[in-house]
Amino acid sequence: MSGYVLHLPEDESVVLSGPVARRLIETGDGDAALLYIAVLRNRGSIDDERLRLQLRWPVERFQRGLDALAGQGLIARPGRSADRPAPQQPAPAQPAAEQGPEYTRADLARALEGGEFASLANAVEEKLGKKLTTRDLAVLLGLYDEQGLPADVIFLLVGFCSERTAAQFGEGRRPTLRQIEKEGFAWARLGLMNQESAAAYIKKCQRQREALPRLMRLLRLGERAPSPGEEKYLTAWEGMGFEDEALLRAYDKTVMKCGELRWQYMNTILCSWHGKGLHTLAEVEAGDRPAGSSRPRRRADAPKPEGRRAAGEAVQEDLARLEKFRQQLRREKEDT
């Protein structure tokens, strides 16, 4: 029987969680697996056309791979490339409800006997300001054991959910473990398996959330907070990378046609532009992106809201708190 030796480069790593790897293997689709690895390597920040060119695939093969991954719930597709119809809604389709594994009390007791999970549980209790129930611990262990999220990533996840809940409902409000579990499943699908990728995702979401008041003012909606439906549209448009001037042009076209702001109509315009790679006013007016140019980055010169911690500071504080619990646990084991 012949064997082989796997050579792993040291300059870069791409991590697949156990459940994701199992799902890719079960599909039996090599193109889907290769495409998913390419998406992970680019951390989801590359557009469809550039990703297709990296793989050197024809359009049909690339689209079949995307459809396979989307069908498995491994990717979400809020926008599509030019060869596909533009979507009419910004939010990706939600996957079917996911359920973590069942753990017995004996399973939980063994997990809490010491080590990384025990320190994680203690740190989460302090972060949420409550004693974790048996069901809460089972959810936490499911993210750690079944989904394969590292302890430091789970703690960043808890901090992310806590910040988001406080922003939505006011200081003092905390997320439920079910809400944390649901977000954790999404992180596993996105391949957020280390501090670097998780922190980058948190910062991206923070930038999008901080942009909401500015976008509300841009669309003549005043200083009020957006409704959940409005927030989905604004977040999707922010993520597409439009210049303010391009958004204003879409707003103007919507009002001229409809007599008022119609969210779905404006979204249809922007999704069409996004599919064609038109994100600045100059590109929209020209009708196409200038040859040889790359997609411009969205301007990030908007001031941050007063009194809000930067996303990076929150991440570092959470990691420091988790390390404190790890050191405390080590001292307790040494004392015994």
C-alpha atoms as a PDB file:
ATOM      1  CA  MET A   1       0.000   0.000   0.000  1.00  0.00           C
ATOM      2  CA  SER A   2       1.425   3.372  -1.000  1.00  0.00           C
ATOM      3  CA  GLY A   3       1.517   6.317   1.353  1.00  0.00           C
ATOM      4  CA  TYR A   4       1.975  10.043   1.125  1.00  0.00           C
ATOM      5  CA  VAL A   5       3.392  12.959   3.083  1.00  0.00           C
ATOM      6  CA  LEU A   6       1.366  16.157   3.392  1.00  0.00           C
ATOM      7  CA  HIS A   7       3.506  19.311   3.219  1.00  0.00           C
ATOM      8  CA  LEU A   8       1.924  22.256   5.048  1.00  0.00           C
ATOM      9  CA  PRO A   9       3.236  25.772   4.361  1.00  0.00           C
ATOM     10  CA  GLU A  10       3.973  27.811   7.459  1.00  0.00           C
ATOM     11  CA  ASP A  11       3.193  31.271   6.082  1.00  0.00           C
ATOM     12  CA  GLU A  12      -0.545  30.879   5.912  1.00  0.00           C
ATOM     13  CA  SER A  13      -3.259  28.633   7.341  1.00  0.00           C
ATOM     14  CA  VAL A  14      -6.872  28.018   6.389  1.00  0.00           C
ATOM     15  CA  VAL A  15      -8.924  26.357   9.134  1.00  0.00           C
ATOM     16  CA  LEU A  16     -12.012  24.221   8.513  1.00  0.00           C
ATOM     17  CA  SER A  17     -14.247  23.356  11.447  1.00  0.00           C
ATOM     18  CA  GLY A  18     -15.181  19.705  11.891  1.00  0.00           C
ATOM     19  CA  PRO A  19     -18.867  20.155  10.970  1.00  0.00           C
ATOM     20  CA  VAL A  20     -18.013  22.170   7.851  1.00  0.00           C
ATOM     21  CA  ALA A  21     -15.447  19.606   6.718  1.00  0.00           C
ATOM     22  CA  ARG A  22     -17.953  16.806   7.267  1.00  0.00           C
ATOM     23  CA  ARG A  23     -20.622  18.646   5.285  1.00  0.00           C
ATOM     24  CA  LEU A  24     -18.248  19.281   2.374  1.00  0.00           C
ATOM     25  CA  ILE A  25     -17.186  15.626   2.335  1.00  0.00           C
ATOM     26  CA  GLU A  26     -20.803  14.476   2.348  1.00  0.00           C
ATOM     27  CA  THR A  27     -21.614  16.579  -0.725  1.00  0.00           C
ATOM     28  CA  GLY A  28     -18.984  14.692  -2.725  1.00  0.00           C
ATOM     29  CA  ASP A  29     -18.470  17.869  -4.768  1.00  0.00           C
ATOM     30  CA  GLY A  30     -14.776  18.650  -5.205  1.00  0.00           C
ATOM     31  CA  ASP A  31     -15.453  22.007  -6.862  1.00  0.00           C
ATOM     32  CA  ALA A  32     -17.605  23.113  -3.928  1.00  0.00           C
ATOM     33  CA  ALA A  33     -14.871  22.135  -1.455  1.00  0.00           C
ATOM     34  CA  LEU A  34     -12.164  23.930  -3.445  1.00  0.00           C
ATOM     35  CA  LEU A  35     -14.327  27.043  -3.791  1.00  0.00           C
ATOM     36  CA  TYR A  36     -15.055  27.088  -0.042  1.00  0.00           C
ATOM     37  CA  ILE A  37     -11.325  26.905   0.727  1.00  0.00           C
ATOM     38  CA  ALA A  38     -10.737  29.806  -1.682  1.00  0.00           C
ATOM     39  CA  VAL A  39     -13.449  31.857   0.036  1.00  0.00           C
ATOM     40  CA  LEU A  40     -11.878  31.151   3.445  1.00  0.00           C
ATOM     41  CA  ARG A  41      -8.424  32.086   2.182  1.00  0.00           C
ATOM     42  CA  ASN A  42      -9.746  35.469   1.040  1.00  0.00           C
ATOM     43  CA  ARG A  43     -11.797  35.850   4.268  1.00  0.00           C
ATOM     44  CA  GLY A  44     -14.933  36.614   2.260  1.00  0.00           C
ATOM     45  CA  SER A  45     -13.616  40.059   1.225  1.00  0.00           C
ATOM     46  CA  ILE A  46     -13.211  39.386  -2.498  1.00  0.00           C
ATOM     47  CA  ASP A  47     -15.851  39.830  -5.190  1.00  0.00           C
ATOM     48  CA  ASP A  48     -17.164  36.945  -7.297  1.00  0.00           C
ATOM     49  CA  GLU A  49     -15.362  37.861 -10.500  1.00  0.00           C
ATOM     50  CA  ARG A  50     -11.916  38.170  -8.918  1.00  0.00           C
ATOM     51  CA  LEU A  51     -12.449  34.912  -7.035  1.00  0.00           C
ATOM     52  CA  ARG A  52     -13.436  33.152 -10.267  1.00  0.00           C
ATOM     53  CA  LEU A  53     -10.308  34.457 -11.978  1.00  0.00           C
ATOM     54  CA  GLN A  54      -8.149  33.211  -9.102  1.00  0.00           C
ATOM     55  CA  LEU A  55      -9.558  29.728  -9.613  1.00  0.00           C
ATOM     56  CA  ARG A  56      -9.307  30.063 -13.414  1.00  0.00           C
ATOM     57  CA  TRP A  57     -12.794  28.644 -13.811  1.00  0.00           C
ATOM     58  CA  PRO A  58     -15.393  29.423 -16.496  1.00  0.00           C
ATOM     59  CA  VAL A  59     -18.536  31.218 -15.333  1.00  0.00           C
ATOM     60  CA  GLU A  60     -20.705  28.102 -15.455  1.00  0.00           C
ATOM     61  CA  ARG A  61     -18.375  26.051 -13.268  1.00  0.00           C
ATOM     62  CA  PHE A  62     -18.003  28.906 -10.780  1.00  0.00           C
ATOM     63  CA  GLN A  63     -21.774  29.390 -10.499  1.00  0.00           C
ATOM     64  CA  ARG A  64     -22.329  25.653  -9.971  1.00  0.00           C
ATOM     65  CA  GLY A  65     -19.851  25.744  -7.096  1.00  0.00           C
ATOM     66  CA  LEU A  66     -21.582  28.764  -5.533  1.00  0.00           C
ATOM     67  CA  ASP A  67     -24.991  27.126  -5.878  1.00  0.00           C
ATOM     68  CA  ALA A  68     -23.695  23.965  -4.195  1.00  0.00           C
ATOM     69  CA  LEU A  69     -22.291  25.907  -1.228  1.00  0.00           C
ATOM     70  CA  ALA A  70     -25.413  28.047  -0.914  1.00  0.00           C
ATOM     71  CA  GLY A  71     -27.575  24.926  -1.028  1.00  0.00           C
ATOM     72  CA  GLN A  72     -25.633  23.507   1.922  1.00  0.00           C
ATOM     73  CA  GLY A  73     -25.980  26.763   3.848  1.00  0.00           C
ATOM     74  CA  LEU A  74     -22.195  27.224   3.861  1.00  0.00           C
ATOM     75  CA  ILE A  75     -22.305  30.656   2.232  1.00  0.00           C
ATOM     76  CA  ALA A  76     -24.860  33.465   2.079  1.00  0.00           C
ATOM     77  CA  ARG A  77     -25.253  35.483  -1.095  1.00  0.00           C
ATOM     78  CA  PRO A  78     -26.663  38.997  -0.432  1.00  0.00           C
ATOM     79  CA  GLY A  79     -25.460  40.111  -3.885  1.00  0.00           C
ATOM     80  CA  ARG A  80     -24.699  38.319  -7.152  1.00  0.00           C
ATOM     81  CA  SER A  81     -22.318  38.855 -10.012  1.00  0.00           C
ATOM     82  CA  ALA A  82     -23.353  40.432 -13.302  1.00  0.00           C
ATOM     83  CA  ASP A  83     -24.254  37.159 -15.051  1.00  0.00           C
ATOM     84  CA  ARG A  84     -26.983  36.421 -12.494  1.00  0.00           C
ATOM     85  CA  PRO A  85     -30.274  38.289 -11.860  1.00  0.00           C
ATOM     86  CA  ALA A  86     -29.918  41.033  -9.247  1.00  0.00           C
ATOM     87  CA  PRO A  87     -31.563  40.169  -5.910  1.00  0.00           C
ATOM     88  CA  GLN A  88     -34.558  42.139  -4.749  1.00  0.00           C
ATOM     89  CA  GLN A  89     -33.856  41.837  -1.031  1.00  0.00           C
ATOM     90  CA  PRO A  90     -30.567  42.682   0.695  1.00  0.00           C
ATOM     91  CA  ALA A  91     -30.717  40.092   3.430  1.00  0.00           C
ATOM     92  CA  PRO A  92     -29.505  36.562   2.699  1.00  0.00           C
ATOM     93  CA  ALA A  93     -31.901  33.691   3.105  1.00  0.00           C
ATOM     94  CA  GLN A  94     -31.805  32.323   6.621  1.00  0.00           C
ATOM     95  CA  PRO A  95     -30.786  28.690   6.997  1.00  0.00           C
ATOM     96  CA  ALA A  96     -33.064  26.223   8.707  1.00  0.00           C
ATOM     97  CA  ALA A  97     -33.023  26.340  12.495  1.00  0.00           C
ATOM     98  CA  GLU A  98     -29.896  24.669  13.856  1.00  0.00           C
ATOM     99  CA  GLN A  99     -29.789  22.606  16.979  1.00  0.00           C
ATOM    100  CA  GLY A 100     -26.726  21.893  19.065  1.00  0.00           C
ATOM    101  CA  PRO A 101     -25.964  18.406  20.408  1.00  0.00           C
ATOM    102  CA  GLU A 102     -27.510  17.058  23.598  1.00  0.00           C
ATOM    103  CA  TYR A 103     -25.186  16.717  26.577  1.00  0.00           C
ATOM    104  CA  THR A 104     -25.824  14.839  29.813  1.00  0.00           C
ATOM    105  CA  ARG A 105     -24.984  16.262  33.206  1.00  0.00           C
ATOM    106  CA  ALA A 106     -22.062  13.853  33.313  1.00  0.00           C
ATOM    107  CA  ASP A 107     -20.767  15.272  30.012  1.00  0.00           C
ATOM    108  CA  LEU A 108     -20.935  18.790  31.397  1.00  0.00           C
ATOM    109  CA  ALA A 109     -19.311  17.774  34.677  1.00  0.00           C
ATOM    110  CA  ARG A 110     -16.368  16.223  32.833  1.00  0.00           C
ATOM    111  CA  ALA A 111     -15.974  19.334  30.659  1.00  0.00           C
ATOM    112  CA  LEU A 112     -15.933  21.531  33.773  1.00  0.00           C
ATOM    113  CA  GLU A 113     -13.342  19.449  35.662  1.00  0.00           C
ATOM    114  CA  GLY A 114     -10.651  21.876  34.598  1.00  0.00           C
ATOM    115  CA  GLY A 115      -8.839  23.234  31.608  1.00  0.00           C
ATOM    116  CA  GLU A 116      -9.826  25.639  28.895  1.00  0.00           C
ATOM    117  CA  PHE A 117     -13.595  25.065  28.859  1.00  0.00           C
ATOM    118  CA  ALA A 118     -13.874  25.628  32.607  1.00  0.00           C
ATOM    119  CA  SER A 119     -12.076  28.975  32.352  1.00  0.00           C
ATOM    120  CA  LEU A 120     -14.259  29.902  29.371  1.00  0.00           C
ATOM    121  CA  ALA A 121     -17.450  29.142  31.318  1.00  0.00           C
ATOM    122  CA  ASN A 122     -16.281  31.287  34.255  1.00  0.00           C
ATOM    123  CA  ALA A 123     -15.354  34.163  31.960  1.00  0.00           C
ATOM    124  CA  VAL A 124     -18.708  34.008  30.159  1.00  0.00           C
ATOM    125  CA  GLU A 125     -20.573  34.069  33.470  1.00  0.00           C
ATOM    126  CA  GLU A 126     -18.768  37.261  34.452  1.00  0.00           C
ATOM    127  CA  LYS A 127     -19.309  38.789  31.021  1.00  0.00           C
ATOM    128  CA  LEU A 128     -23.062  38.106  31.086  1.00  0.00           C
ATOM    129  CA  GLY A 129     -23.435  38.852  34.787  1.00  0.00           C
ATOM    130  CA  LYS A 130     -25.276  35.638  35.594  1.00  0.00           C
ATOM    131  CA  LYS A 131     -24.793  32.012  36.590  1.00  0.00           C
ATOM    132  CA  LEU A 132     -24.983  29.722  33.563  1.00  0.00           C
ATOM    133  CA  THR A 133     -27.741  27.117  33.700  1.00  0.00           C
ATOM    134  CA  THR A 134     -27.307  23.509  32.590  1.00  0.00           C
ATOM    135  CA  ARG A 135     -28.867  24.409  29.256  1.00  0.00           C
ATOM    136  CA  ASP A 136     -26.562  27.431  28.921  1.00  0.00           C
ATOM    137  CA  LEU A 137     -23.505  25.259  29.560  1.00  0.00           C
ATOM    138  CA  ALA A 138     -24.717  22.751  26.969  1.00  0.00           C
ATOM    139  CA  VAL A 139     -25.003  25.523  24.375  1.00  0.00           C
ATOM    140  CA  LEU A 140     -21.510  26.762  25.221  1.00  0.00           C
ATOM    141  CA  LEU A 141     -20.054  23.248  25.062  1.00  0.00           C
ATOM    142  CA  GLY A 142     -21.772  22.660  21.710  1.00  0.00           C
ATOM    143  CA  LEU A 143     -20.023  25.672  20.220  1.00  0.00           C
ATOM    144  CA  TYR A 144     -16.706  24.537  21.694  1.00  0.00           C
ATOM    145  CA  ASP A 145     -16.930  20.800  21.082  1.00  0.00           C
ATOM    146  CA  GLU A 146     -19.254  20.263  18.096  1.00  0.00           C
ATOM    147  CA  GLN A 147     -18.749  23.467  16.110  1.00  0.00           C
ATOM    148  CA  GLY A 148     -15.030  23.522  16.896  1.00  0.00           C
ATOM    149  CA  LEU A 149     -14.826  27.209  17.866  1.00  0.00           C
ATOM    150  CA  PRO A 150     -11.751  27.897  20.064  1.00  0.00           C
ATOM    151  CA  ALA A 151     -12.349  29.260  23.558  1.00  0.00           C
ATOM    152  CA  ASP A 152     -10.924  32.704  22.764  1.00  0.00           C
ATOM    153  CA  VAL A 153     -13.149  32.964  19.668  1.00  0.00           C
ATOM    154  CA  ILE A 154     -16.224  31.970  21.690  1.00  0.00           C
ATOM    155  CA  PHE A 155     -15.432  34.654  24.241  1.00  0.00           C
ATOM    156  CA  LEU A 156     -15.134  37.223  21.451  1.00  0.00           C
ATOM    157  CA  LEU A 157     -18.469  35.923  20.160  1.00  0.00           C
ATOM    158  CA  VAL A 158     -20.108  36.508  23.553  1.00  0.00           C
ATOM    159  CA  GLY A 159     -18.644  40.012  23.700  1.00  0.00           C
ATOM    160  CA  PHE A 160     -19.856  40.744  20.157  1.00  0.00           C
ATOM    161  CA  CYS A 161     -23.398  39.602  20.959  1.00  0.00           C
ATOM    162  CA  SER A 162     -23.378  41.604  24.216  1.00  0.00           C
ATOM    163  CA  GLU A 163     -22.268  44.802  22.445  1.00  0.00           C
ATOM    164  CA  ARG A 164     -24.892  44.333  19.746  1.00  0.00           C
ATOM    165  CA  THR A 165     -27.710  43.690  22.233  1.00  0.00           C
ATOM    166  CA  ALA A 166     -26.744  46.743  24.303  1.00  0.00           C
ATOM    167  CA  ALA A 167     -26.672  48.906  21.169  1.00  0.00           C
ATOM    168  CA  GLN A 168     -30.108  47.703  20.108  1.00  0.00           C
ATOM    169  CA  PHE A 169     -31.940  47.643  23.441  1.00  0.00           C
ATOM    170  CA  GLY A 170     -29.895  49.795  25.819  1.00  0.00           C
ATOM    171  CA  GLU A 171     -27.111  49.352  28.344  1.00  0.00           C
ATOM    172  CA  GLY A 172     -27.688  46.535  30.789  1.00  0.00           C
ATOM    173  CA  ARG A 173     -29.444  44.252  28.338  1.00  0.00           C
ATOM    174  CA  ARG A 174     -27.694  40.943  27.703  1.00  0.00           C
ATOM    175  CA  PRO A 175     -28.104  38.350  24.935  1.00  0.00           C
ATOM    176  CA  THR A 176     -29.521  34.919  25.637  1.00  0.00           C
ATOM    177  CA  LEU A 177     -27.382  31.835  25.116  1.00  0.00           C
ATOM    178  CA  ARG A 178     -29.738  30.848  22.295  1.00  0.00           C
ATOM    179  CA  GLN A 179     -28.937  34.122  20.521  1.00  0.00           C
ATOM    180  CA  ILE A 180     -25.220  33.528  21.098  1.00  0.00           C
ATOM    181  CA  GLU A 181     -25.573  29.959  19.775  1.00  0.00           C
ATOM    182  CA  LYS A 182     -27.309  31.152  16.609  1.00  0.00           C
ATOM    183  CA  GLU A 183     -24.569  33.706  15.947  1.00  0.00           C
ATOM    184  CA  GLY A 184     -21.957  31.040  16.735  1.00  0.00           C
ATOM    185  CA  PHE A 185     -23.351  28.779  14.010  1.00  0.00           C
ATOM    186  CA  ALA A 186     -22.975  31.695  11.585  1.00  0.00           C
ATOM    187  CA  TRP A 187     -19.356  32.243  12.692  1.00  0.00           C
ATOM    188  CA  ALA A 188     -18.596  28.554  12.122  1.00  0.00           C
ATOM    189  CA  ARG A 189     -20.058  28.744   8.603  1.00  0.00           C
ATOM    190  CA  LEU A 190     -17.933  31.810   7.918  1.00  0.00           C
ATOM    191  CA  GLY A 191     -14.834  29.986   9.125  1.00  0.00           C
ATOM    192  CA  LEU A 192     -14.047  32.414  11.967  1.00  0.00           C
ATOM    193  CA  MET A 193     -11.759  29.980  13.727  1.00  0.00           C
ATOM    194  CA  ASN A 194      -9.040  32.239  15.126  1.00  0.00           C
ATOM    195  CA  GLN A 195      -8.657  35.595  16.872  1.00  0.00           C
ATOM    196  CA  GLU A 196      -7.546  37.384  13.722  1.00  0.00           C
ATOM    197  CA  SER A 197     -10.525  36.485  11.556  1.00  0.00           C
ATOM    198  CA  ALA A 198     -13.025  36.926  14.415  1.00  0.00           C
ATOM    199  CA  ALA A 199     -11.631  40.362  15.337  1.00  0.00           C
ATOM    200  CA  ALA A 200     -11.684  41.461  11.686  1.00  0.00           C
ATOM    201  CA  TYR A 201     -15.331  40.395  11.409  1.00  0.00           C
ATOM    202  CA  ILE A 202     -16.258  42.236  14.615  1.00  0.00           C
ATOM    203  CA  LYS A 203     -14.589  45.431  13.369  1.00  0.00           C
ATOM    204  CA  LYS A 204     -16.407  45.160  10.043  1.00  0.00           C
ATOM    205  CA  CYS A 205     -19.780  44.801  11.783  1.00  0.00           C
ATOM    206  CA  GLN A 206     -18.923  47.693  14.111  1.00  0.00           C
ATOM    207  CA  ARG A 207     -18.110  49.950  11.154  1.00  0.00           C
ATOM    208  CA  GLN A 208     -21.414  49.043   9.530  1.00  0.00           C
ATOM    209  CA  ARG A 209     -23.333  49.753  12.741  1.00  0.00           C
ATOM    210  CA  GLU A 210     -21.562  53.084  13.226  1.00  0.00           C
ATOM    211  CA  ALA A 211     -22.464  54.074   9.650  1.00  0.00           C
ATOM    212  CA  LEU A 212     -26.217  53.734  10.263  1.00  0.00           C
ATOM    213  CA  PRO A 213     -26.842  57.223  11.772  1.00  0.00           C
ATOM    214  CA  ARG A 214     -24.896  58.863   8.936  1.00  0.00           C
ATOM    215  CA  LEU A 215     -26.849  56.942   6.296  1.00  0.00           C
ATOM    216  CA  MET A 216     -30.158  57.823   7.959  1.00  0.00           C
ATOM    217  CA  ARG A 217     -29.236  61.513   7.758  1.00  0.00           C
ATOM    218  CA  LEU A 218     -28.062  61.067   4.162  1.00  0.00           C
ATOM    219  CA  LEU A 219     -31.498  59.750   3.178  1.00  0.00           C
ATOM    220  CA  ARG A 220     -33.275  62.664   4.928  1.00  0.00           C
ATOM    221  CA  LEU A 221     -34.609  60.410   7.695  1.00  0.00           C
ATOM    222  CA  GLY A 222     -33.355  62.504  10.618  1.00  0.00           C
ATOM    223  CA  GLU A 223     -31.701  61.416  13.837  1.00  0.00           C
ATOM    224  CA  ARG A 224     -33.996  58.523  14.743  1.00  0.00           C
ATOM    225  CA  ALA A 225     -32.735  54.959  14.892  1.00  0.00           C
ATOM    226  CA  PRO A 226     -33.560  52.823  11.850  1.00  0.00           C
ATOM    227  CA  SER A 227     -36.217  50.145  12.118  1.00  0.00           C
ATOM    228  CA  PRO A 228     -35.037  46.526  11.818  1.00  0.00           C
ATOM    229  CA  GLY A 229     -36.130  46.438   8.167  1.00  0.00           C
ATOM    230  CA  GLU A 230     -34.407  49.713   7.374  1.00  0.00           C
ATOM    231  CA  GLU A 231     -31.254  48.532   9.142  1.00  0.00           C
ATOM    232  CA  LYS A 232     -31.082  45.441   6.907  1.00  0.00           C
ATOM    233  CA  TYR A 233     -31.183  47.587   3.769  1.00  0.00           C
ATOM    234  CA  LEU A 234     -28.657  50.132   5.059  1.00  0.00           C
ATOM    235  CA  THR A 235     -26.256  47.456   6.274  1.00  0.00           C
ATOM    236  CA  ALA A 236     -26.432  45.659   2.925  1.00  0.00           C
ATOM    237  CA  TRP A 237     -25.744  48.872   0.990  1.00  0.00           C
ATOM    238  CA  GLU A 238     -22.868  49.770   3.296  1.00  0.00           C
ATOM    239  CA  GLY A 239     -21.392  46.331   2.759  1.00  0.00           C
ATOM    240  CA  MET A 240     -21.621  46.704  -1.028  1.00  0.00           C
ATOM    241  CA  GLY A 241     -19.213  49.646  -0.837  1.00  0.00           C
ATOM    242  CA  PHE A 242     -21.163  52.562  -2.351  1.00  0.00           C
ATOM    243  CA  GLU A 243     -19.967  56.157  -2.140  1.00  0.00           C
ATOM    244  CA  ASP A 244     -22.393  58.563  -0.505  1.00  0.00           C
ATOM    245  CA  GLU A 245     -22.829  60.362  -3.824  1.00  0.00           C
ATOM    246  CA  ALA A 246     -23.891  57.133  -5.511  1.00  0.00           C
ATOM    247  CA  LEU A 247     -26.420  56.453  -2.741  1.00  0.00           C
ATOM    248  CA  LEU A 248     -27.786  59.965  -3.176  1.00  0.00           C
ATOM    249  CA  ARG A 249     -28.166  59.387  -6.911  1.00  0.00           C
ATOM    250  CA  ALA A 250     -30.146  56.192  -6.254  1.00  0.00           C
ATOM    251  CA  TYR A 251     -32.233  58.066  -3.675  1.00  0.00           C
ATOM    252  CA  ASP A 252     -32.937  60.838  -6.167  1.00  0.00           C
ATOM    253  CA  LYS A 253     -33.970  58.354  -8.862  1.00  0.00           C
ATOM    254  CA  THR A 254     -36.283  56.635  -6.376  1.00  0.00           C
ATOM    255  CA  VAL A 255     -37.979  59.848  -5.239  1.00  0.00           C
ATOM    256  CA  MET A 256     -38.365  61.104  -8.812  1.00  0.00           C
ATOM    257  CA  LYS A 257     -40.023  57.832  -9.804  1.00  0.00           C
ATOM    258  CA  CYS A 258     -42.056  57.042  -6.687  1.00  0.00           C
ATOM    259  CA  GLY A 259     -42.566  60.470  -5.110  1.00  0.00           C
ATOM    260  CA  GLU A 260     -41.024  59.215  -1.867  1.00  0.00           C
ATOM    261  CA  LEU A 261     -38.350  56.849  -0.550  1.00  0.00           C
ATOM    262  CA  ARG A 262     -39.355  53.315  -1.458  1.00  0.00           C
ATOM    263  CA  TRP A 263     -36.816  50.986   0.086  1.00  0.00           C
ATOM    264  CA  GLN A 264     -37.359  48.040  -2.255  1.00  0.00           C
ATOM    265  CA  TYR A 265     -37.230  50.235  -5.367  1.00  0.00           C
ATOM    266  CA  MET A 266     -33.991  51.906  -4.247  1.00  0.00           C
ATOM    267  CA  ASN A 267     -32.566  48.506  -3.357  1.00  0.00           C
ATOM    268  CA  THR A 268     -33.327  47.246  -6.884  1.00  0.00           C
ATOM    269  CA  ILE A 269     -31.334  50.156  -8.334  1.00  0.00           C
ATOM    270  CA  LEU A 270     -28.359  49.605  -6.016  1.00  0.00           C
ATOM    271  CA  CYS A 271     -28.289  45.832  -6.484  1.00  0.00           C
ATOM    272  CA  SER A 272     -28.243  46.391 -10.246  1.00  0.00           C
ATOM    273  CA  TRP A 273     -25.319  48.822  -9.937  1.00  0.00           C
ATOM    274  CA  HIS A 274     -23.525  46.483  -7.560  1.00  0.00           C
ATOM    275  CA  GLY A 275     -23.863  43.611 -10.024  1.00  0.00           C
ATOM    276  CA  LYS A 276     -22.248  45.790 -12.695  1.00  0.00           C
ATOM    277  CA  GLY A 277     -19.450  46.956 -10.398  1.00  0.00           C
ATOM    278  CA  LEU A 278     -20.676  50.567 -10.222  1.00  0.00           C
ATOM    279  CA  HIS A 279     -20.061  52.015  -6.755  1.00  0.00           C
ATOM    280  CA  THR A 280     -19.030  55.650  -7.285  1.00  0.00           C
ATOM    281  CA  LEU A 281     -20.991  58.476  -8.875  1.00  0.00           C
ATOM    282  CA  ALA A 282     -18.461  58.672 -11.706  1.00  0.00           C
ATOM    283  CA  GLU A 283     -18.894  54.975 -12.452  1.00  0.00           C
ATOM    284  CA  VAL A 284     -22.672  55.237 -12.352  1.00  0.00           C
ATOM    285  CA  GLU A 285     -22.646  58.198 -14.732  1.00  0.00           C
ATOM    286  CA  ALA A 286     -20.249  56.429 -17.094  1.00  0.00           C
ATOM    287  CA  GLY A 287     -22.367  53.299 -16.944  1.00  0.00           C
ATOM    288  CA  ASP A 288     -19.381  51.036 -16.385  1.00  0.00           C
ATOM    289  CA  ARG A 289     -16.211  50.793 -14.378  1.00  0.00           C
ATOM    290  CA  PRO A 290     -13.183  52.391 -16.092  1.00  0.00           C
ATOM    291  CA  ALA A 291     -10.896  49.804 -17.695  1.00  0.00           C
ATOM    292  CA  GLY A 292      -8.058  48.636 -15.467  1.00  0.00           C
ATOM    293  CA  SER A 293      -9.420  50.162 -12.274  1.00  0.00           C
ATOM    294  CA  SER A 294     -10.214  48.240  -9.144  1.00  0.00           C
ATOM    295  CA  ARG A 295     -13.271  48.662  -7.013  1.00  0.00           C
ATOM    296  CA  PRO A 296     -12.791  51.733  -4.828  1.00  0.00           C
ATOM    297  CA  ARG A 297     -12.970  51.377  -1.117  1.00  0.00           C
ATOM    298  CA  ARG A 298     -15.750  53.069   0.668  1.00  0.00           C
ATOM    299  CA  ARG A 299     -14.757  56.294   2.354  1.00  0.00           C
ATOM    300  CA  ALA A 300     -14.139  55.802   6.050  1.00  0.00           C
ATOM    301  CA  ASP A 301     -13.824  59.414   7.144  1.00  0.00           C
ATOM    302  CA  ALA A 302     -17.112  59.594   9.029  1.00  0.00           C
ATOM    303  CA  PRO A 303     -16.589  60.476  12.712  1.00  0.00           C
ATOM    304  CA  LYS A 304     -17.242  57.773  15.259  1.00  0.00           C
ATOM    305  CA  PRO A 305     -20.131  58.300  17.694  1.00  0.00           C
ATOM    306  CA  GLU A 306     -19.059  59.865  20.961  1.00  0.00           C
ATOM    307  CA  GLY A 307     -18.755  57.614  23.961  1.00  0.00           C
ATOM    308  CA  ARG A 308     -18.522  54.342  22.037  1.00  0.00           C
ATOM    309  CA  ARG A 309     -15.461  52.142  22.423  1.00  0.00           C
ATOM    310  CA  ALA A 310     -13.633  51.187  19.273  1.00  0.00           C
ATOM    311  CA  ALA A 311     -14.253  47.581  18.250  1.00  0.00           C
ATOM    312  CA  GLY A 312     -10.567  46.759  18.605  1.00  0.00           C
ATOM    313  CA  GLU A 313     -10.500  47.998  22.215  1.00  0.00           C
ATOM    314  CA  ALA A 314     -13.486  45.827  23.127  1.00  0.00           C
ATOM    315  CA  VAL A 315     -11.843  42.778  21.571  1.00  0.00           C
ATOM    316  CA  GLN A 316      -8.594  43.318  23.496  1.00  0.00           C
ATOM    317  CA  GLU A 317     -10.450  43.801  26.771  1.00  0.00           C
ATOM    318  CA  ASP A 318     -12.395  40.580  26.247  1.00  0.00           C
ATOM    319  CA  LEU A 319      -9.244  38.609  25.458  1.00  0.00           C
ATOM    320  CA  ALA A 320      -7.477  40.026  28.519  1.00  0.00           C
ATOM    321  CA  ARG A 321     -10.427  39.027  30.712  1.00  0.00           C
ATOM    322  CA  LEU A 322     -10.378  35.475  29.352  1.00  0.00           C
ATOM    323  CA  GLU A 323      -6.620  35.205  29.991  1.00  0.00           C
ATOM    324  CA  LYS A 324      -7.191  36.330  33.572  1.00  0.00           C
ATOM    325  CA  PHE A 325      -9.599  33.432  34.126  1.00  0.00           C
ATOM    326  CA  ARG A 326      -7.136  30.997  32.566  1.00  0.00           C
ATOM    327  CA  GLN A 327      -4.388  32.133  34.957  1.00  0.00           C
ATOM    328  CA  GLN A 328      -6.766  31.893  37.898  1.00  0.00           C
ATOM    329  CA  LEU A 329      -7.707  28.342  36.934  1.00  0.00           C
ATOM    330  CA  ARG A 330      -4.031  27.337  36.644  1.00  0.00           C
ATOM    331  CA  ARG A 331      -3.311  28.746  40.129  1.00  0.00           C
ATOM    332  CA  GLU A 332      -6.270  26.826  41.600  1.00  0.00           C
ATOM    333  CA  LYS A 333      -5.003  23.575  40.057  1.00  0.00           C
ATOM    334  CA  GLU A 334      -1.513  24.189  41.424  1.00  0.00           C
ATOM    335  CA  ASP A 335      -2.893  24.859  44.912  1.00  0.00           C
ATOM    336  CA  THR A 336      -4.750  21.557  44.870  1.00  0.00           C
END
